[in-house]
Amino acid sequence: MTPKTRDVFISYSQEDKVTADTICAALESAGIRCWIAPRDVQPGRSFAGEITRAMEASKIMVLVFSAHSNQSEQVLREVQLAVDSHLHILQFRIADVPASDDLKYYLGTPHWLDALTRPLKSHIERLAISVRALLDVEKASAPANLPTSPIETKQPTPASVSPPLPVVVGANTKWFGPLIAIVILGALVLFAGGIWLVAHGIGYIRQQRSTIAQTTPAPAPPASPSVAATGAAGDNSNVKEADTYMQRARERFKRQDYDGALADLDRSLELNPKNSDAFNDRGLVKKYKNDSVGAAADYNKALDLNPKNASALNNLGVLKLDRGETEAAIIYFDRVLGIDPARVMTFVLRGDAKSMQGELKHAIADYDRALQLDPRNLSAIQFRAFAEMRSGQWSSAVADLQMRCTLAPAIQDYFRLLLWVAQSHLPDIAEANRELAEYVNTRNPPKGPDWNGQIAGFLLDKIPTEKFLDFNSGFLKNDARRHMQAAMFAGMKRLSEVNKVGAISQFQDCLAQNQNKAFEDRLVRSQLKSLGK
């Protein structure tokens, strides 16, 4: 097999050479090894042979797609060769033209990025992120020349699996299709009385979510683990003792004893340094301790030991999201769904990522798929409602918010307020007021400050606008998030009163709070766009 000495083969039409050279320079400045003609054609060798050898030595083709390359016989031959060589093909589209029938035949559903607007530099930066993520995932998914741990070969059964650490999952212009086989067995970890819920308002779209990681059969409940090692790392007794520490770490993690969990996982890995799941667990603990660098190192180690550890792959995607590298994160999530298309929370996760990129249609499609698999999944329902509100699908949003309130009545206050917002965009504003008033009359308000009750009172004209928007009040003083929420609801009320000027003023005040990761901020931006602002 030809060694992969190059990362990227750049295919382009001669008319686009300046763009291709710019892409090559940018990728190489990011440490990505490129092959591009004519620069890398060896003197005295045939052009066709050089292209073939370069393709076989590369991992990814970047196709500079334009009207010229679309009609180029040479580009077509290179794409055909890339397909035959099993290269990942990324289309970097610099012209909005449909692919020719010949190219469609070979490309199928390729990865692609639009670069139709200026400056080109920002699009090339996105391309570099995407290429790097593909290379990272391929490296992580390469077969490891390591013996499989006895723990990794056992198949868990529902009766024997102890709850593992939850997997943190976060939030693409155009998303990438599945590329590498990752086998996943996962399920949603249910918290707070048996369901994963959003507590108190919407907050950030990238909230912590939890899924059950693939794990191994836990030993029978043991006494406290012995501190002393009992043999070599590969010894069966050591493996059992290591697993005992790992199970106790998971219990400590659930109690938010992160230091204790980390100590147990350190000890577990001393006894059995080839346990992929333990590295993944330790990475998650480090994530919760705000050590993202250490978390990434442990996730990657987990993948080195077991390239099919989907939880570690998923967690690496979350780290990408945390750094705002949504396109790179999408690649990781696609790997999961490419092999396990029934993983509900990964559809929700990918939908969140697409929603953050403004790809609301694709986000809703992912939420739809999640709900086909699990019709009562609260995360999918509420995030689909958010995407529907942002895209102006108010009737659909009303239905989803009503379902969300019905399924989780214990914490429906803020969703009831959002339901009023969605209903206020429908012709019968009286219905919105009537339903909210009925809910307010039956709810049990908290003993302390009642911010949700304050908002409801304002929407129902029981609290004057001046009092509600008094930013020196106890509710709003020094609280940018509530200030943002107050301005959003005030703007929505102005819209219901057909006061567009007042609505725009309140929406602009909402954005001035710089809470751009919050759902309310994103909703307001969509509203301003619909108002021509």
Protein backbone atom coordinates (compact mmCIF):
# COMPACT_ATOMS: atom_id res chain seq x y z
CA MET A 1 0.00 0.00 0.00
CA THR A 2 1.29 3.44 -0.93
CA PRO A 3 2.17 5.42 2.22
CA LYS A 4 0.01 8.49 2.81
CA THR A 5 2.73 11.12 2.67
CA ARG A 6 0.39 13.96 1.69
CA ASP A 7 -2.75 15.21 3.41
CA VAL A 8 -4.46 17.01 0.55
CA PHE A 9 -4.50 16.74 -3.24
CA ILE A 10 -5.72 20.03 -4.76
CA SER A 11 -7.69 19.62 -7.97
CA TYR A 12 -8.48 22.70 -10.04
CA SER A 13 -8.89 24.12 -13.51
CA GLN A 14 -6.01 26.17 -14.88
CA GLU A 15 -8.26 29.22 -15.02
CA ASP A 16 -8.55 29.05 -11.22
CA LYS A 17 -4.83 28.67 -10.52
CA VAL A 18 -4.57 31.85 -8.45
CA THR A 19 -7.33 30.64 -6.13
CA ALA A 20 -5.82 27.15 -5.96
CA ASP A 21 -2.39 28.52 -5.08
CA THR A 22 -3.94 30.69 -2.38
CA ILE A 23 -5.70 27.67 -0.89
CA CYS A 24 -2.49 25.64 -1.01
CA ALA A 25 -0.51 28.35 0.77
CA ALA A 26 -3.15 28.76 3.47
CA LEU A 27 -3.44 25.04 4.16
CA GLU A 28 0.31 24.56 4.30
CA SER A 29 0.63 27.49 6.68
CA ALA A 30 -1.76 25.54 8.91
CA GLY A 31 0.56 22.54 8.83
CA ILE A 32 -1.44 20.58 6.24
CA ARG A 33 0.69 18.84 3.61
CA CYS A 34 -0.55 19.54 0.09
CA TRP A 35 0.16 18.24 -3.40
CA ILE A 36 -0.58 20.62 -6.24
CA ALA A 37 0.37 20.63 -9.89
CA PRO A 38 2.54 21.77 -11.54
CA ARG A 39 4.59 22.61 -8.45
CA ASP A 40 4.94 19.05 -7.20
CA VAL A 41 5.31 17.24 -10.52
CA GLN A 42 8.78 15.66 -10.56
CA PRO A 43 10.89 16.64 -13.59
CA GLY A 44 11.26 13.94 -16.20
CA ARG A 45 8.19 11.99 -15.06
CA SER A 46 4.89 11.70 -16.91
CA PHE A 47 2.14 14.00 -15.73
CA ALA A 48 -0.45 11.22 -15.60
CA GLY A 49 1.81 8.96 -13.53
CA GLU A 50 2.59 11.78 -11.11
CA ILE A 51 -1.13 12.52 -10.65
CA THR A 52 -1.83 8.85 -9.94
CA ARG A 53 0.99 8.51 -7.44
CA ALA A 54 0.07 11.78 -5.71
CA MET A 55 -3.56 10.69 -5.40
CA GLU A 56 -2.59 7.36 -3.87
CA ALA A 57 -0.35 9.14 -1.38
CA SER A 58 -3.07 11.61 -0.28
CA LYS A 59 -5.98 11.38 2.13
CA ILE A 60 -8.27 14.17 0.95
CA MET A 61 -9.02 15.85 -2.37
CA VAL A 62 -9.93 19.53 -2.25
CA LEU A 63 -11.80 20.27 -5.46
CA VAL A 64 -11.83 23.95 -6.40
CA PHE A 65 -15.27 23.90 -7.97
CA SER A 66 -16.10 26.55 -10.57
CA ALA A 67 -17.67 26.83 -14.00
CA HIS A 68 -14.21 26.04 -15.42
CA SER A 69 -13.52 22.92 -13.35
CA ASN A 70 -17.09 21.81 -13.90
CA GLN A 71 -16.31 21.41 -17.61
CA SER A 72 -12.69 20.27 -17.30
CA GLU A 73 -11.90 16.77 -18.57
CA GLN A 74 -8.70 16.74 -16.49
CA VAL A 75 -10.59 17.59 -13.31
CA LEU A 76 -13.16 14.90 -14.11
CA ARG A 77 -10.39 12.30 -14.47
CA GLU A 78 -8.86 13.41 -11.16
CA VAL A 79 -12.22 13.12 -9.39
CA GLN A 80 -12.70 9.65 -10.85
CA LEU A 81 -9.24 8.66 -9.63
CA ALA A 82 -9.96 10.12 -6.18
CA VAL A 83 -13.10 8.02 -5.93
CA ASP A 84 -11.20 4.92 -6.99
CA SER A 85 -8.50 5.73 -4.41
CA HIS A 86 -11.13 6.19 -1.65
CA LEU A 87 -10.18 9.80 -0.93
CA HIS A 88 -12.50 12.13 0.93
CA ILE A 89 -13.57 14.82 -1.55
CA LEU A 90 -14.23 18.36 -0.32
CA GLN A 91 -15.81 20.73 -2.82
CA PHE A 92 -14.69 24.32 -2.33
CA ARG A 93 -17.34 26.07 -4.39
CA ILE A 94 -16.23 29.44 -5.79
CA ALA A 95 -19.09 29.60 -8.31
CA ASP A 96 -22.79 28.91 -7.91
CA VAL A 97 -23.24 26.49 -10.79
CA PRO A 98 -24.78 23.01 -10.79
CA ALA A 99 -22.35 20.13 -11.13
CA SER A 100 -22.24 18.50 -14.55
CA ASP A 101 -23.84 15.10 -14.97
CA ASP A 102 -20.40 13.49 -15.22
CA LEU A 103 -19.24 15.02 -11.94
CA LYS A 104 -22.51 14.19 -10.21
CA TYR A 105 -21.96 10.55 -11.13
CA TYR A 106 -18.67 10.43 -9.24
CA LEU A 107 -19.37 12.88 -6.45
CA GLY A 108 -22.67 11.54 -5.20
CA THR A 109 -23.17 13.51 -1.97
CA PRO A 110 -19.75 15.07 -1.33
CA HIS A 111 -18.68 17.41 1.42
CA TRP A 112 -18.81 20.98 0.24
CA LEU A 113 -18.24 24.52 1.40
CA ASP A 114 -19.57 27.64 -0.25
CA ALA A 115 -17.01 30.35 -0.98
CA LEU A 116 -19.19 32.57 -3.10
CA THR A 117 -18.67 35.81 -1.19
CA ARG A 118 -15.64 37.93 -0.39
CA PRO A 119 -13.25 37.92 1.32
CA LEU A 120 -11.98 34.53 0.19
CA LYS A 121 -9.70 34.32 3.22
CA SER A 122 -12.54 33.63 5.65
CA HIS A 123 -13.77 30.73 3.51
CA ILE A 124 -10.28 29.26 3.24
CA GLU A 125 -9.96 29.43 7.02
CA ARG A 126 -13.15 27.37 7.29
CA LEU A 127 -11.75 24.95 4.74
CA ALA A 128 -8.59 24.50 6.82
CA ILE A 129 -10.69 23.76 9.91
CA SER A 130 -12.69 21.18 8.02
CA VAL A 131 -9.62 19.50 6.51
CA ARG A 132 -7.90 19.38 9.89
CA ALA A 133 -10.96 17.83 11.50
CA LEU A 134 -11.15 15.16 8.80
CA LEU A 135 -7.47 14.36 9.30
CA ASP A 136 -7.89 14.23 13.08
CA VAL A 137 -10.83 11.87 12.88
CA GLU A 138 -9.12 9.62 10.32
CA LYS A 139 -6.07 9.42 12.54
CA ALA A 140 -8.21 8.63 15.57
CA SER A 141 -10.14 5.98 13.65
CA ALA A 142 -7.11 4.19 12.16
CA PRO A 143 -6.73 0.60 13.40
CA ALA A 144 -4.53 0.47 16.44
CA ASN A 145 -1.80 -2.16 16.73
CA LEU A 146 -2.66 -2.77 20.34
CA PRO A 147 -4.11 -5.86 21.97
CA THR A 148 -7.75 -5.54 22.92
CA SER A 149 -8.42 -5.39 26.62
CA PRO A 150 -10.58 -8.17 28.04
CA ILE A 151 -12.93 -5.45 29.19
CA GLU A 152 -13.32 -4.12 25.68
CA THR A 153 -14.24 -7.49 24.17
CA LYS A 154 -17.09 -8.31 26.54
CA GLN A 155 -20.59 -7.42 25.41
CA PRO A 156 -22.64 -5.62 28.06
CA THR A 157 -26.15 -6.65 28.95
CA PRO A 158 -28.78 -4.35 30.46
CA ALA A 159 -28.70 -6.17 33.76
CA SER A 160 -24.94 -6.01 34.16
CA VAL A 161 -24.07 -2.51 33.01
CA SER A 162 -23.53 0.09 35.68
CA PRO A 163 -24.34 3.68 34.69
CA PRO A 164 -21.21 5.23 33.19
CA LEU A 165 -20.18 8.82 33.21
CA PRO A 166 -22.47 10.97 31.07
CA VAL A 167 -21.10 12.24 27.79
CA VAL A 168 -21.14 16.01 27.43
CA VAL A 169 -22.63 17.01 24.12
CA GLY A 170 -22.82 20.59 23.03
CA ALA A 171 -23.98 22.69 19.27
CA ASN A 172 -22.11 24.42 9.78
CA THR A 173 -22.81 26.05 6.80
CA LYS A 174 -23.00 22.79 4.84
CA TRP A 175 -22.67 19.60 6.80
CA PHE A 176 -20.54 16.65 6.01
CA GLY A 177 -21.70 13.11 5.39
CA PRO A 178 -20.52 10.03 7.28
CA LEU A 179 -17.07 8.78 6.36
CA ILE A 180 -15.57 6.36 8.90
CA ALA A 181 -17.20 3.39 10.59
CA ILE A 182 -17.71 4.03 14.32
CA VAL A 183 -19.77 1.44 16.16
CA ILE A 184 -21.81 2.97 18.95
CA LEU A 185 -24.10 1.59 21.59
CA GLY A 186 -25.58 4.50 23.51
CA ALA A 187 -28.64 5.75 25.30
CA LEU A 188 -29.67 8.94 26.99
CA VAL A 189 -28.63 9.28 30.64
CA LEU A 190 -31.76 10.44 32.44
CA PHE A 191 -31.28 13.05 35.12
CA ALA A 192 -33.45 15.04 37.52
CA GLY A 193 -36.23 12.60 38.25
CA GLY A 194 -35.68 10.47 35.20
CA ILE A 195 -35.60 13.02 32.36
CA TRP A 196 -33.05 15.37 30.88
CA LEU A 197 -34.44 18.85 31.28
CA VAL A 198 -33.50 22.45 30.79
CA ALA A 199 -33.76 24.18 34.13
CA HIS A 200 -35.02 27.75 34.42
CA GLY A 201 -35.34 29.33 31.00
CA ILE A 202 -33.64 28.63 27.75
CA GLY A 203 -30.11 29.83 28.46
CA TYR A 204 -27.55 28.80 25.94
CA ILE A 205 -28.43 26.56 23.05
CA ARG A 206 -25.22 24.69 23.82
CA GLN A 207 -26.32 23.30 27.15
CA GLN A 208 -24.92 20.25 28.83
CA ARG A 209 -26.63 17.10 27.68
CA SER A 210 -26.00 13.55 28.77
CA THR A 211 -25.90 10.20 27.03
CA ILE A 212 -24.88 6.76 28.20
CA ALA A 213 -21.47 5.78 26.89
CA GLN A 214 -20.66 2.32 25.62
CA THR A 215 -19.18 0.51 28.55
CA THR A 216 -18.40 -2.97 29.82
CA PRO A 217 -20.02 -5.27 32.32
CA ALA A 218 -19.39 -4.04 35.83
CA PRO A 219 -18.22 -6.48 38.49
CA ALA A 220 -20.49 -7.44 41.33
CA PRO A 221 -20.73 -4.64 43.93
CA PRO A 222 -17.38 -4.84 45.72
CA ALA A 223 -16.02 -3.65 48.96
CA SER A 224 -13.86 -0.54 48.87
CA PRO A 225 -11.05 -1.09 46.39
CA SER A 226 -7.68 -2.09 47.65
CA VAL A 227 -5.03 0.53 47.05
CA ALA A 228 -2.33 -2.02 46.31
CA ALA A 229 -1.92 -3.38 42.81
CA THR A 230 -2.14 -7.15 42.55
CA GLY A 231 0.06 -8.12 39.66
CA ALA A 232 0.96 -6.95 36.20
CA ALA A 233 -1.28 -4.55 34.30
CA GLY A 234 -2.54 -7.35 32.08
CA ASP A 235 -3.38 -9.60 35.05
CA ASN A 236 -7.08 -10.41 35.35
CA SER A 237 -7.19 -9.45 39.02
CA ASN A 238 -5.78 -6.05 38.14
CA VAL A 239 -8.40 -5.61 35.44
CA LYS A 240 -11.17 -6.36 37.91
CA GLU A 241 -9.75 -4.00 40.51
CA ALA A 242 -9.31 -1.29 37.87
CA ASP A 243 -12.93 -1.72 36.84
CA THR A 244 -13.99 -1.38 40.48
CA TYR A 245 -12.22 1.97 40.70
CA MET A 246 -13.85 3.06 37.46
CA GLN A 247 -17.33 2.21 38.72
CA ARG A 248 -16.73 4.10 41.95
CA ALA A 249 -15.47 7.06 39.95
CA ARG A 250 -18.74 7.09 38.06
CA GLU A 251 -20.71 7.17 41.28
CA ARG A 252 -18.56 10.01 42.58
CA PHE A 253 -19.02 11.88 39.34
CA LYS A 254 -22.79 11.69 39.70
CA ARG A 255 -22.39 13.22 43.17
CA GLN A 256 -20.23 15.97 41.59
CA ASP A 257 -17.20 14.78 43.54
CA TYR A 258 -14.89 15.46 40.61
CA ASP A 259 -11.65 15.31 42.57
CA GLY A 260 -12.58 11.94 44.01
CA ALA A 261 -13.63 10.65 40.59
CA LEU A 262 -10.37 11.83 39.06
CA ALA A 263 -8.33 10.10 41.77
CA ASP A 264 -10.21 6.83 41.22
CA LEU A 265 -9.74 6.99 37.47
CA ASP A 266 -6.04 7.70 37.84
CA ARG A 267 -5.77 4.59 40.00
CA SER A 268 -7.89 2.57 37.56
CA LEU A 269 -5.58 3.47 34.70
CA GLU A 270 -2.49 2.61 36.73
CA LEU A 271 -3.90 -0.89 37.13
CA ASN A 272 -5.21 -1.22 33.57
CA PRO A 273 -3.65 1.38 31.23
CA LYS A 274 -5.36 -0.14 28.18
CA ASN A 275 -8.96 0.62 29.16
CA SER A 276 -10.36 2.98 26.53
CA ASP A 277 -13.52 3.69 28.54
CA ALA A 278 -11.53 4.76 31.59
CA PHE A 279 -9.59 7.30 29.52
CA ASN A 280 -12.86 8.60 28.13
CA ASP A 281 -14.32 8.88 31.63
CA ARG A 282 -11.26 10.69 32.90
CA GLY A 283 -11.46 13.09 29.97
CA LEU A 284 -15.03 13.91 30.91
CA VAL A 285 -14.08 14.58 34.53
CA LYS A 286 -11.32 16.89 33.33
CA LYS A 287 -13.84 18.63 31.09
CA TYR A 288 -16.00 19.34 34.12
CA LYS A 289 -12.94 20.62 35.93
CA ASN A 290 -12.39 23.07 33.05
CA ASP A 291 -9.28 21.27 31.80
CA SER A 292 -10.20 21.05 28.11
CA VAL A 293 -6.60 20.34 27.05
CA GLY A 294 -6.35 17.39 29.41
CA ALA A 295 -9.80 16.21 28.37
CA ALA A 296 -8.83 16.23 24.69
CA ALA A 297 -5.66 14.26 25.43
CA ASP A 298 -7.63 11.59 27.28
CA TYR A 299 -10.33 11.36 24.58
CA ASN A 300 -7.64 10.90 21.95
CA LYS A 301 -5.94 8.25 24.06
CA ALA A 302 -9.28 6.46 24.36
CA LEU A 303 -9.53 6.45 20.57
CA ASP A 304 -5.95 5.26 20.18
CA LEU A 305 -6.86 2.24 22.30
CA ASN A 306 -10.28 1.68 20.74
CA PRO A 307 -11.03 3.50 17.48
CA LYS A 308 -14.67 2.45 17.88
CA ASN A 309 -15.15 4.32 21.15
CA ALA A 310 -18.00 6.49 19.96
CA SER A 311 -18.34 8.33 23.26
CA ALA A 312 -14.78 9.62 23.07
CA LEU A 313 -15.33 10.64 19.47
CA ASN A 314 -18.51 12.43 20.45
CA ASN A 315 -16.76 14.20 23.32
CA LEU A 316 -14.03 15.44 21.02
CA GLY A 317 -16.76 16.93 18.88
CA VAL A 318 -18.09 18.74 21.93
CA LEU A 319 -14.69 20.27 22.58
CA LYS A 320 -14.72 21.55 19.00
CA LEU A 321 -18.11 23.11 19.63
CA ASP A 322 -16.90 24.72 22.83
CA ARG A 323 -14.16 26.41 20.83
CA GLY A 324 -16.66 27.54 18.20
CA GLU A 325 -15.32 25.11 15.58
CA THR A 326 -18.78 23.95 14.58
CA GLU A 327 -17.79 22.66 11.16
CA ALA A 328 -15.10 20.47 12.65
CA ALA A 329 -17.51 19.26 15.33
CA ILE A 330 -20.08 18.27 12.72
CA ILE A 331 -17.57 15.88 11.18
CA TYR A 332 -17.24 13.99 14.45
CA PHE A 333 -21.00 13.78 14.92
CA ASP A 334 -21.47 12.55 11.35
CA ARG A 335 -19.15 9.62 12.08
CA VAL A 336 -21.45 8.48 14.84
CA LEU A 337 -24.62 8.68 12.76
CA GLY A 338 -22.98 7.08 9.76
CA ILE A 339 -22.73 3.79 11.66
CA ASP A 340 -25.51 4.08 14.24
CA PRO A 341 -28.38 5.98 12.57
CA ALA A 342 -30.59 5.31 15.60
CA ARG A 343 -28.57 7.40 18.09
CA VAL A 344 -31.20 9.94 19.11
CA MET A 345 -29.12 12.44 21.03
CA THR A 346 -26.52 12.65 18.28
CA PHE A 347 -29.25 13.80 15.90
CA VAL A 348 -30.20 16.44 18.48
CA LEU A 349 -26.58 17.43 18.85
CA ARG A 350 -26.02 17.75 15.12
CA GLY A 351 -29.25 19.68 14.82
CA ASP A 352 -28.01 22.13 17.44
CA ALA A 353 -24.78 22.61 15.54
CA LYS A 354 -26.62 23.31 12.31
CA SER A 355 -28.97 25.67 14.12
CA MET A 356 -26.00 27.60 15.47
CA GLN A 357 -24.77 27.98 11.90
CA GLY A 358 -28.16 29.27 10.77
CA GLU A 359 -28.96 26.10 8.84
CA LEU A 360 -32.44 25.90 10.35
CA LYS A 361 -33.98 23.69 7.68
CA HIS A 362 -31.29 21.06 8.15
CA ALA A 363 -31.46 21.44 11.93
CA ILE A 364 -35.20 20.77 11.92
CA ALA A 365 -34.63 17.71 9.74
CA ASP A 366 -32.26 16.32 12.39
CA TYR A 367 -34.74 17.04 15.18
CA ASP A 368 -37.46 15.35 13.10
CA ARG A 369 -35.30 12.26 12.78
CA ALA A 370 -34.61 12.23 16.51
CA LEU A 371 -38.34 12.40 17.23
CA GLN A 372 -39.08 9.61 14.79
CA LEU A 373 -36.80 7.47 16.93
CA ASP A 374 -38.02 8.83 20.27
CA PRO A 375 -41.28 10.82 20.04
CA ARG A 376 -41.04 12.00 23.67
CA ASN A 377 -37.47 13.26 23.57
CA LEU A 378 -37.64 16.62 25.34
CA SER A 379 -34.39 17.91 23.90
CA ALA A 380 -35.48 17.31 20.31
CA ILE A 381 -38.92 18.83 20.94
CA GLN A 382 -37.69 22.02 22.52
CA PHE A 383 -34.82 22.64 20.14
CA ARG A 384 -37.07 22.00 17.16
CA ALA A 385 -39.45 24.59 18.61
CA PHE A 386 -36.57 27.08 18.87
CA ALA A 387 -35.58 26.49 15.26
CA GLU A 388 -39.19 26.82 14.13
CA MET A 389 -39.54 30.13 15.96
CA ARG A 390 -36.38 31.47 14.37
CA SER A 391 -37.57 30.42 10.91
CA GLY A 392 -41.06 31.86 11.38
CA GLN A 393 -42.90 28.52 11.55
CA TRP A 394 -45.11 29.75 14.36
CA SER A 395 -47.89 27.15 14.20
CA SER A 396 -45.38 24.32 14.35
CA ALA A 397 -43.57 26.05 17.22
CA VAL A 398 -46.84 26.36 19.14
CA ALA A 399 -47.47 22.63 18.79
CA ASP A 400 -43.96 21.71 19.94
CA LEU A 401 -43.99 24.09 22.90
CA GLN A 402 -47.36 22.78 24.01
CA MET A 403 -45.98 19.24 23.82
CA ARG A 404 -42.88 20.30 25.76
CA CYS A 405 -45.04 21.76 28.54
CA THR A 406 -47.26 18.68 28.66
CA LEU A 407 -44.32 16.25 28.91
CA ALA A 408 -42.49 18.24 31.60
CA PRO A 409 -45.13 20.13 33.62
CA ALA A 410 -42.83 20.57 36.61
CA ILE A 411 -40.61 23.06 34.80
CA GLN A 412 -42.77 24.63 32.14
CA ASP A 413 -42.85 28.27 33.29
CA TYR A 414 -40.43 29.73 30.77
CA PHE A 415 -41.75 27.55 27.96
CA ARG A 416 -45.23 28.89 28.67
CA LEU A 417 -43.86 32.38 28.11
CA LEU A 418 -42.28 31.32 24.84
CA LEU A 419 -45.58 29.70 23.89
CA TRP A 420 -47.18 33.13 24.27
CA VAL A 421 -44.52 34.56 21.95
CA ALA A 422 -45.24 31.93 19.30
CA GLN A 423 -49.02 32.34 19.64
CA SER A 424 -48.74 36.13 19.47
CA HIS A 425 -47.54 35.78 15.89
CA LEU A 426 -50.77 34.00 14.92
CA PRO A 427 -53.96 35.93 14.06
CA ASP A 428 -55.70 35.39 17.42
CA ILE A 429 -53.68 37.22 20.06
CA ALA A 430 -56.60 36.76 22.44
CA GLU A 431 -55.92 33.03 22.46
CA ALA A 432 -52.33 33.64 23.53
CA ASN A 433 -53.46 35.89 26.38
CA ARG A 434 -56.21 33.50 27.46
CA GLU A 435 -53.93 30.45 27.65
CA LEU A 436 -51.21 32.32 29.53
CA ALA A 437 -53.73 33.75 32.00
CA GLU A 438 -55.16 30.29 32.66
CA TYR A 439 -51.71 28.94 33.32
CA VAL A 440 -50.74 31.80 35.64
CA ASN A 441 -53.89 31.21 37.70
CA THR A 442 -52.98 27.56 38.27
CA ARG A 443 -49.21 27.72 38.73
CA ASN A 444 -47.43 27.59 42.08
CA PRO A 445 -45.07 30.57 42.19
CA PRO A 446 -41.68 30.21 43.89
CA LYS A 447 -41.17 31.52 47.39
CA GLY A 448 -38.44 33.94 46.35
CA PRO A 449 -38.19 36.38 43.42
CA ASP A 450 -40.50 35.27 40.61
CA TRP A 451 -38.90 36.41 37.35
CA ASN A 452 -41.13 34.20 35.19
CA GLY A 453 -44.18 35.56 36.98
CA GLN A 454 -42.90 39.08 36.37
CA ILE A 455 -42.68 38.43 32.63
CA ALA A 456 -46.15 36.87 32.56
CA GLY A 457 -47.60 39.84 34.41
CA PHE A 458 -46.09 42.21 31.88
CA LEU A 459 -47.38 40.23 28.91
CA LEU A 460 -50.89 40.21 30.44
CA ASP A 461 -50.82 43.99 31.14
CA LYS A 462 -50.77 43.46 34.92
CA ILE A 463 -47.32 45.06 35.29
CA PRO A 464 -46.71 48.45 33.63
CA THR A 465 -44.05 48.63 30.95
CA GLU A 466 -42.04 51.21 32.91
CA LYS A 467 -41.84 48.94 35.95
CA PHE A 468 -41.03 45.86 33.91
CA LEU A 469 -38.23 47.62 32.03
CA ASP A 470 -36.79 49.37 35.10
CA PHE A 471 -33.22 48.19 34.71
CA ASN A 472 -32.39 49.39 38.22
CA SER A 473 -34.99 47.10 39.74
CA GLY A 474 -34.13 44.10 41.86
CA PHE A 475 -34.96 41.82 38.96
CA LEU A 476 -32.73 43.42 36.34
CA LYS A 477 -29.95 45.36 38.05
CA ASN A 478 -26.53 43.99 37.07
CA ASP A 479 -28.15 41.03 35.30
CA ALA A 480 -27.41 41.22 31.58
CA ARG A 481 -29.22 37.99 30.87
CA ARG A 482 -32.52 39.12 32.39
CA HIS A 483 -32.06 42.50 30.76
CA MET A 484 -31.81 40.71 27.44
CA GLN A 485 -34.89 38.61 28.17
CA ALA A 486 -36.90 41.63 29.27
CA ALA A 487 -36.03 43.49 26.07
CA MET A 488 -36.92 40.46 23.94
CA PHE A 489 -40.35 40.00 25.54
CA ALA A 490 -40.99 43.74 25.39
CA GLY A 491 -40.17 43.72 21.69
CA MET A 492 -42.49 40.76 21.08
CA LYS A 493 -45.30 42.55 22.92
CA ARG A 494 -44.73 45.63 20.76
CA LEU A 495 -45.03 43.42 17.68
CA SER A 496 -48.33 42.02 18.95
CA GLU A 497 -49.51 45.63 19.23
CA VAL A 498 -48.38 46.31 15.64
CA ASN A 499 -45.77 48.75 16.93
CA LYS A 500 -42.81 47.82 14.71
CA VAL A 501 -40.76 50.88 15.63
CA GLY A 502 -41.04 50.08 19.33
CA ALA A 503 -40.30 46.42 18.67
CA ILE A 504 -37.14 47.24 16.74
CA SER A 505 -35.95 49.52 19.55
CA GLN A 506 -36.44 46.80 22.17
CA PHE A 507 -34.82 44.15 19.97
CA GLN A 508 -31.77 46.34 19.49
CA ASP A 509 -31.56 46.77 23.26
CA CYS A 510 -31.70 42.99 23.58
CA LEU A 511 -28.72 42.55 21.25
CA ALA A 512 -26.80 45.28 23.07
CA GLN A 513 -26.50 42.93 26.07
CA ASN A 514 -24.01 40.80 24.08
CA GLN A 515 -25.57 37.46 25.00
CA ASN A 516 -25.02 36.07 21.51
CA LYS A 517 -24.96 32.43 22.60
CA ALA A 518 -28.46 32.65 24.02
CA PHE A 519 -31.57 31.51 22.17
CA GLU A 520 -33.32 34.83 22.80
CA ASP A 521 -30.50 36.71 21.08
CA ARG A 522 -30.74 34.43 18.04
CA LEU A 523 -34.51 34.74 17.94
CA VAL A 524 -34.29 38.52 18.03
CA ARG A 525 -31.80 38.55 15.18
CA SER A 526 -34.24 36.52 13.10
CA GLN A 527 -37.04 38.94 13.98
CA LEU A 528 -34.99 41.98 13.02
CA LYS A 529 -34.14 40.35 9.71
CA SER A 530 -37.82 39.74 9.02
CA LEU A 531 -38.43 43.42 9.81
CA GLY A 532 -35.79 44.48 7.31
CA LYS A 533 -33.19 45.42 9.92
